[in-house]
Amino acid sequence: MDIFWVMHQQAQISRAQARAAGAQSSTESLQYHVRDLEERLDQMALKCQALWEIVRDSSGFSDTDIEQRISEIDLRDGVADGKITRSGRQCGNCGRTVSTRHSRCLYCGIIPEEREIF
C-alpha cells in the first residue's frame, strides 16, 4: 500500500509543479503587457503635454482653461470619475443609439457613424 501512496503523492507533486509553471508563465506575460501599457501611457502623456503647450502658447488659453474643459468633458456622462464612459454611437441612418458591443444598428442594419454619444 505504501507504493500506491508514494505514486499518488508524486502525481500530486507533478500536477502542482505544472500548475506553478503555468502560473509563472502567465505572470511573466502579464508583467510584459503591463510594462508595454505603462510605456505607451508615458508616450501618450508626453504627446498630450506637447500638444497642450502648442495650443496654450498659440491661443492664449491658460492651464485653468484646460482643467475646466477636462472637468466639463468628464461630467458629460454624469459622473466625475476622471474617465469618459462610452455609452454608444449614433446611427447615421435612423438616428438611434447603438451599443458599442454591436457593429450594426439593431433597428435598421446600417453600420453606425463613428461619432460617439456621451
N, C-alpha and C. Protein backbone atom coordinates (compact mmCIF):
# COMPACT_ATOMS: atom_id res chain seq x y z
N MET A 1 0.82 -1.19 0.00
CA MET A 1 0.00 0.00 0.00
C MET A 1 0.86 1.25 0.00
N ASP A 2 2.03 1.19 0.57
CA ASP A 2 2.91 2.35 0.61
C ASP A 2 3.33 2.80 -0.78
N ILE A 3 3.52 1.87 -1.71
CA ILE A 3 3.94 2.22 -3.06
C ILE A 3 2.86 3.04 -3.77
N PHE A 4 1.58 2.69 -3.52
CA PHE A 4 0.50 3.43 -4.15
C PHE A 4 0.41 4.85 -3.58
N TRP A 5 0.67 4.97 -2.29
CA TRP A 5 0.65 6.29 -1.66
C TRP A 5 1.77 7.17 -2.21
N VAL A 6 2.93 6.62 -2.38
CA VAL A 6 4.07 7.34 -2.93
C VAL A 6 3.77 7.76 -4.37
N MET A 7 3.20 6.85 -5.16
CA MET A 7 2.87 7.17 -6.55
C MET A 7 1.82 8.29 -6.59
N HIS A 8 0.84 8.22 -5.72
CA HIS A 8 -0.21 9.25 -5.65
C HIS A 8 0.41 10.61 -5.30
N GLN A 9 1.28 10.60 -4.32
CA GLN A 9 1.93 11.84 -3.89
C GLN A 9 2.81 12.41 -5.01
N GLN A 10 3.51 11.56 -5.73
CA GLN A 10 4.35 12.02 -6.83
C GLN A 10 3.49 12.63 -7.94
N ALA A 11 2.33 12.03 -8.21
CA ALA A 11 1.43 12.58 -9.22
C ALA A 11 0.90 13.94 -8.77
N GLN A 12 0.57 14.06 -7.50
CA GLN A 12 0.10 15.34 -6.96
C GLN A 12 1.18 16.40 -7.07
N ILE A 13 2.40 16.03 -6.75
CA ILE A 13 3.53 16.96 -6.84
C ILE A 13 3.76 17.38 -8.29
N SER A 14 3.67 16.45 -9.21
CA SER A 14 3.86 16.77 -10.63
C SER A 14 2.79 17.74 -11.12
N ARG A 15 1.53 17.51 -10.72
CA ARG A 15 0.45 18.42 -11.12
C ARG A 15 0.65 19.81 -10.52
N ALA A 16 1.06 19.85 -9.28
CA ALA A 16 1.30 21.14 -8.63
C ALA A 16 2.45 21.89 -9.31
N GLN A 17 3.49 21.17 -9.68
CA GLN A 17 4.61 21.81 -10.37
C GLN A 17 4.18 22.32 -11.74
N ALA A 18 3.35 21.57 -12.45
CA ALA A 18 2.86 22.01 -13.76
C ALA A 18 1.99 23.26 -13.60
N ARG A 19 1.13 23.29 -12.59
CA ARG A 19 0.29 24.48 -12.36
C ARG A 19 1.16 25.68 -11.98
N ALA A 20 2.18 25.45 -11.18
CA ALA A 20 3.08 26.54 -10.80
C ALA A 20 3.83 27.09 -12.02
N ALA A 21 4.26 26.20 -12.90
CA ALA A 21 4.95 26.66 -14.12
C ALA A 21 4.00 27.45 -15.00
N GLY A 22 2.76 27.01 -15.12
CA GLY A 22 1.76 27.76 -15.89
C GLY A 22 1.48 29.12 -15.29
N ALA A 23 1.39 29.17 -13.98
CA ALA A 23 1.16 30.45 -13.30
C ALA A 23 2.34 31.39 -13.50
N GLN A 24 3.54 30.86 -13.45
CA GLN A 24 4.74 31.67 -13.67
C GLN A 24 4.73 32.25 -15.07
N SER A 25 4.39 31.43 -16.06
CA SER A 25 4.32 31.89 -17.44
C SER A 25 3.27 32.98 -17.60
N SER A 26 2.10 32.79 -17.00
CA SER A 26 1.04 33.80 -17.07
C SER A 26 1.48 35.10 -16.41
N THR A 27 2.14 34.98 -15.29
CA THR A 27 2.62 36.17 -14.58
C THR A 27 3.62 36.95 -15.42
N GLU A 28 4.55 36.25 -16.05
CA GLU A 28 5.54 36.91 -16.89
C GLU A 28 4.88 37.59 -18.08
N SER A 29 3.89 36.95 -18.66
CA SER A 29 3.17 37.54 -19.79
C SER A 29 2.43 38.80 -19.34
N LEU A 30 1.77 38.74 -18.21
CA LEU A 30 1.06 39.91 -17.70
C LEU A 30 2.02 41.05 -17.35
N GLN A 31 3.16 40.71 -16.80
CA GLN A 31 4.15 41.74 -16.48
C GLN A 31 4.63 42.43 -17.75
N TYR A 32 4.83 41.67 -18.81
CA TYR A 32 5.22 42.24 -20.10
C TYR A 32 4.15 43.20 -20.60
N HIS A 33 2.89 42.78 -20.53
CA HIS A 33 1.80 43.63 -21.01
C HIS A 33 1.66 44.90 -20.17
N VAL A 34 1.85 44.79 -18.88
CA VAL A 34 1.77 45.97 -18.01
C VAL A 34 2.90 46.94 -18.35
N ARG A 35 4.10 46.44 -18.54
CA ARG A 35 5.23 47.31 -18.91
C ARG A 35 4.96 48.00 -20.25
N ASP A 36 4.40 47.25 -21.20
CA ASP A 36 4.06 47.82 -22.51
C ASP A 36 3.01 48.93 -22.35
N LEU A 37 1.98 48.68 -21.58
CA LEU A 37 0.95 49.70 -21.36
C LEU A 37 1.50 50.93 -20.65
N GLU A 38 2.36 50.71 -19.66
CA GLU A 38 2.97 51.84 -18.96
C GLU A 38 3.81 52.69 -19.92
N GLU A 39 4.56 52.02 -20.80
CA GLU A 39 5.37 52.75 -21.78
C GLU A 39 4.49 53.54 -22.74
N ARG A 40 3.43 52.91 -23.20
CA ARG A 40 2.51 53.60 -24.11
C ARG A 40 1.80 54.76 -23.41
N LEU A 41 1.45 54.58 -22.15
CA LEU A 41 0.82 55.65 -21.39
C LEU A 41 1.78 56.82 -21.21
N ASP A 42 3.04 56.53 -20.91
CA ASP A 42 4.04 57.60 -20.77
C ASP A 42 4.21 58.36 -22.09
N GLN A 43 4.23 57.64 -23.21
CA GLN A 43 4.36 58.29 -24.52
C GLN A 43 3.13 59.16 -24.80
N MET A 44 1.95 58.67 -24.47
CA MET A 44 0.72 59.43 -24.69
C MET A 44 0.69 60.68 -23.82
N ALA A 45 1.14 60.57 -22.59
CA ALA A 45 1.19 61.73 -21.71
C ALA A 45 2.15 62.78 -22.26
N LEU A 46 3.28 62.35 -22.76
CA LEU A 46 4.26 63.27 -23.35
C LEU A 46 3.66 63.98 -24.56
N LYS A 47 2.99 63.23 -25.43
CA LYS A 47 2.37 63.82 -26.61
C LYS A 47 1.26 64.79 -26.24
N CYS A 48 0.45 64.43 -25.25
CA CYS A 48 -0.63 65.33 -24.80
C CYS A 48 -0.05 66.62 -24.24
N GLN A 49 1.02 66.51 -23.47
CA GLN A 49 1.64 67.70 -22.90
C GLN A 49 2.19 68.60 -24.01
N ALA A 50 2.84 68.00 -25.01
CA ALA A 50 3.37 68.79 -26.12
C ALA A 50 2.24 69.49 -26.87
N LEU A 51 1.17 68.76 -27.15
CA LEU A 51 0.03 69.38 -27.84
C LEU A 51 -0.58 70.50 -27.02
N TRP A 52 -0.74 70.28 -25.71
CA TRP A 52 -1.31 71.31 -24.87
C TRP A 52 -0.43 72.57 -24.88
N GLU A 53 0.87 72.39 -24.78
CA GLU A 53 1.76 73.56 -24.77
C GLU A 53 1.70 74.31 -26.10
N ILE A 54 1.58 73.60 -27.20
CA ILE A 54 1.45 74.27 -28.50
C ILE A 54 0.15 75.07 -28.54
N VAL A 55 -0.94 74.46 -28.12
CA VAL A 55 -2.24 75.15 -28.12
C VAL A 55 -2.20 76.35 -27.16
N ARG A 56 -1.68 76.14 -25.97
CA ARG A 56 -1.62 77.22 -24.98
C ARG A 56 -0.80 78.39 -25.49
N ASP A 57 0.37 78.11 -26.06
CA ASP A 57 1.26 79.17 -26.50
C ASP A 57 0.72 79.92 -27.71
N SER A 58 -0.03 79.23 -28.57
CA SER A 58 -0.52 79.88 -29.78
C SER A 58 -1.92 80.48 -29.62
N SER A 59 -2.63 80.12 -28.57
CA SER A 59 -4.02 80.58 -28.46
C SER A 59 -4.28 81.51 -27.28
N GLY A 60 -3.43 81.47 -26.30
CA GLY A 60 -3.66 82.30 -25.12
C GLY A 60 -4.52 81.64 -24.05
N PHE A 61 -4.90 80.38 -24.25
CA PHE A 61 -5.62 79.66 -23.21
C PHE A 61 -4.70 79.41 -22.03
N SER A 62 -5.28 79.27 -20.85
CA SER A 62 -4.48 79.03 -19.66
C SER A 62 -4.63 77.59 -19.19
N ASP A 63 -3.81 77.20 -18.22
CA ASP A 63 -3.93 75.87 -17.63
C ASP A 63 -5.30 75.70 -16.98
N THR A 64 -5.83 76.77 -16.41
CA THR A 64 -7.17 76.73 -15.80
C THR A 64 -8.22 76.43 -16.87
N ASP A 65 -8.05 77.00 -18.06
CA ASP A 65 -9.00 76.72 -19.15
C ASP A 65 -9.03 75.23 -19.49
N ILE A 66 -7.87 74.61 -19.57
CA ILE A 66 -7.83 73.19 -19.91
C ILE A 66 -8.40 72.35 -18.77
N GLU A 67 -8.12 72.71 -17.53
CA GLU A 67 -8.67 71.97 -16.39
C GLU A 67 -10.19 72.06 -16.36
N GLN A 68 -10.73 73.24 -16.67
CA GLN A 68 -12.18 73.39 -16.71
C GLN A 68 -12.78 72.55 -17.83
N ARG A 69 -12.12 72.53 -18.98
CA ARG A 69 -12.64 71.75 -20.10
C ARG A 69 -12.58 70.25 -19.79
N ILE A 70 -11.52 69.82 -19.13
CA ILE A 70 -11.41 68.41 -18.74
C ILE A 70 -12.56 68.04 -17.80
N SER A 71 -12.83 68.91 -16.83
CA SER A 71 -13.95 68.65 -15.91
C SER A 71 -15.28 68.61 -16.64
N GLU A 72 -15.47 69.51 -17.58
CA GLU A 72 -16.70 69.54 -18.37
C GLU A 72 -16.88 68.25 -19.16
N ILE A 73 -15.83 67.80 -19.81
CA ILE A 73 -15.90 66.57 -20.59
C ILE A 73 -16.12 65.36 -19.68
N ASP A 74 -15.47 65.36 -18.55
CA ASP A 74 -15.62 64.27 -17.60
C ASP A 74 -17.07 64.14 -17.13
N LEU A 75 -17.75 65.26 -16.96
CA LEU A 75 -19.12 65.24 -16.45
C LEU A 75 -20.17 64.95 -17.53
N ARG A 76 -19.78 64.84 -18.78
CA ARG A 76 -20.75 64.58 -19.85
C ARG A 76 -21.51 63.27 -19.66
N ASP A 77 -20.87 62.30 -19.02
CA ASP A 77 -21.56 61.03 -18.78
C ASP A 77 -22.28 61.02 -17.44
N GLY A 78 -22.26 62.17 -16.74
CA GLY A 78 -22.97 62.29 -15.48
C GLY A 78 -22.18 61.90 -14.25
N VAL A 79 -20.92 61.48 -14.42
CA VAL A 79 -20.11 61.04 -13.30
C VAL A 79 -18.73 61.68 -13.38
N ALA A 80 -18.33 62.37 -12.30
CA ALA A 80 -16.99 62.97 -12.23
C ALA A 80 -16.02 61.91 -11.72
N ASP A 81 -15.52 61.08 -12.65
CA ASP A 81 -14.66 59.98 -12.25
C ASP A 81 -13.31 59.96 -12.98
N GLY A 82 -13.04 61.02 -13.75
CA GLY A 82 -11.77 61.09 -14.47
C GLY A 82 -11.71 60.20 -15.69
N LYS A 83 -12.89 59.71 -16.15
CA LYS A 83 -12.93 58.83 -17.33
C LYS A 83 -14.07 59.26 -18.24
N ILE A 84 -13.94 58.86 -19.50
CA ILE A 84 -15.05 59.02 -20.44
C ILE A 84 -15.71 57.66 -20.56
N THR A 85 -16.98 57.60 -20.25
CA THR A 85 -17.72 56.36 -20.39
C THR A 85 -18.49 56.41 -21.69
N ARG A 86 -18.15 55.50 -22.58
CA ARG A 86 -18.81 55.48 -23.88
C ARG A 86 -20.08 54.67 -23.77
N SER A 87 -21.20 55.32 -24.04
CA SER A 87 -22.48 54.63 -23.92
C SER A 87 -22.95 54.09 -25.25
N GLY A 88 -22.49 54.64 -26.34
CA GLY A 88 -22.93 54.14 -27.63
C GLY A 88 -22.57 55.09 -28.75
N ARG A 89 -23.02 54.69 -29.95
CA ARG A 89 -22.79 55.51 -31.14
C ARG A 89 -24.14 55.82 -31.75
N GLN A 90 -24.18 56.87 -32.51
CA GLN A 90 -25.43 57.24 -33.15
C GLN A 90 -25.46 56.70 -34.58
N CYS A 91 -26.56 56.05 -34.93
CA CYS A 91 -26.72 55.52 -36.28
C CYS A 91 -26.97 56.68 -37.23
N GLY A 92 -26.20 56.71 -38.31
CA GLY A 92 -26.35 57.79 -39.29
C GLY A 92 -27.61 57.67 -40.12
N ASN A 93 -28.22 56.52 -40.11
CA ASN A 93 -29.41 56.29 -40.92
C ASN A 93 -30.69 56.61 -40.16
N CYS A 94 -30.86 55.99 -38.99
CA CYS A 94 -32.12 56.16 -38.25
C CYS A 94 -31.98 57.06 -37.03
N GLY A 95 -30.73 57.39 -36.62
CA GLY A 95 -30.51 58.30 -35.51
C GLY A 95 -30.58 57.67 -34.14
N ARG A 96 -30.82 56.39 -34.05
CA ARG A 96 -30.91 55.73 -32.76
C ARG A 96 -29.52 55.43 -32.20
N THR A 97 -29.48 55.25 -30.89
CA THR A 97 -28.22 54.93 -30.24
C THR A 97 -27.93 53.44 -30.39
N VAL A 98 -26.70 53.12 -30.81
CA VAL A 98 -26.27 51.74 -30.99
C VAL A 98 -25.18 51.45 -29.97
N SER A 99 -25.33 50.37 -29.25
CA SER A 99 -24.33 49.96 -28.25
C SER A 99 -22.98 49.75 -28.91
N THR A 100 -21.93 50.02 -28.17
CA THR A 100 -20.58 49.79 -28.69
C THR A 100 -20.30 48.31 -28.86
N ARG A 101 -21.14 47.44 -28.29
CA ARG A 101 -20.97 45.99 -28.45
C ARG A 101 -21.40 45.50 -29.82
N HIS A 102 -22.20 46.29 -30.53
CA HIS A 102 -22.72 45.86 -31.83
C HIS A 102 -22.05 46.63 -32.96
N SER A 103 -21.78 45.92 -34.05
CA SER A 103 -21.15 46.58 -35.20
C SER A 103 -22.19 47.22 -36.13
N ARG A 104 -23.43 46.77 -36.03
CA ARG A 104 -24.52 47.31 -36.88
C ARG A 104 -25.67 47.78 -36.00
N CYS A 105 -26.43 48.70 -36.55
CA CYS A 105 -27.63 49.19 -35.87
C CYS A 105 -28.65 48.04 -35.80
N LEU A 106 -29.20 47.80 -34.63
CA LEU A 106 -30.18 46.73 -34.46
C LEU A 106 -31.53 47.10 -35.07
N TYR A 107 -31.73 48.38 -35.34
CA TYR A 107 -33.03 48.83 -35.85
C TYR A 107 -33.09 48.85 -37.37
N CYS A 108 -32.01 49.29 -38.01
CA CYS A 108 -32.05 49.40 -39.48
C CYS A 108 -30.95 48.59 -40.18
N GLY A 109 -29.99 48.06 -39.43
CA GLY A 109 -28.96 47.22 -40.02
C GLY A 109 -27.76 47.94 -40.59
N ILE A 110 -27.76 49.25 -40.55
CA ILE A 110 -26.66 50.05 -41.10
C ILE A 110 -25.51 50.10 -40.08
N ILE A 111 -24.26 50.18 -40.59
CA ILE A 111 -23.12 50.38 -39.70
C ILE A 111 -23.15 51.83 -39.24
N PRO A 112 -23.20 52.09 -37.93
CA PRO A 112 -23.35 53.46 -37.44
C PRO A 112 -22.09 54.29 -37.66
N GLU A 113 -22.28 55.60 -37.58
CA GLU A 113 -21.16 56.54 -37.67
C GLU A 113 -20.23 56.29 -36.49
N GLU A 114 -19.02 56.79 -36.62
CA GLU A 114 -18.05 56.65 -35.55
C GLU A 114 -18.25 57.69 -34.44
N ARG A 115 -19.16 58.63 -34.65
CA ARG A 115 -19.40 59.66 -33.65
C ARG A 115 -20.01 59.02 -32.41
N GLU A 116 -19.40 59.25 -31.27
CA GLU A 116 -19.87 58.64 -30.04
C GLU A 116 -20.78 59.58 -29.28
N ILE A 117 -21.66 59.00 -28.51
CA ILE A 117 -22.60 59.76 -27.69
C ILE A 117 -22.16 59.62 -26.25
N PHE A 118 -22.16 60.72 -25.55
CA PHE A 118 -21.73 60.67 -24.14
C PHE A 118 -22.91 60.96 -23.25
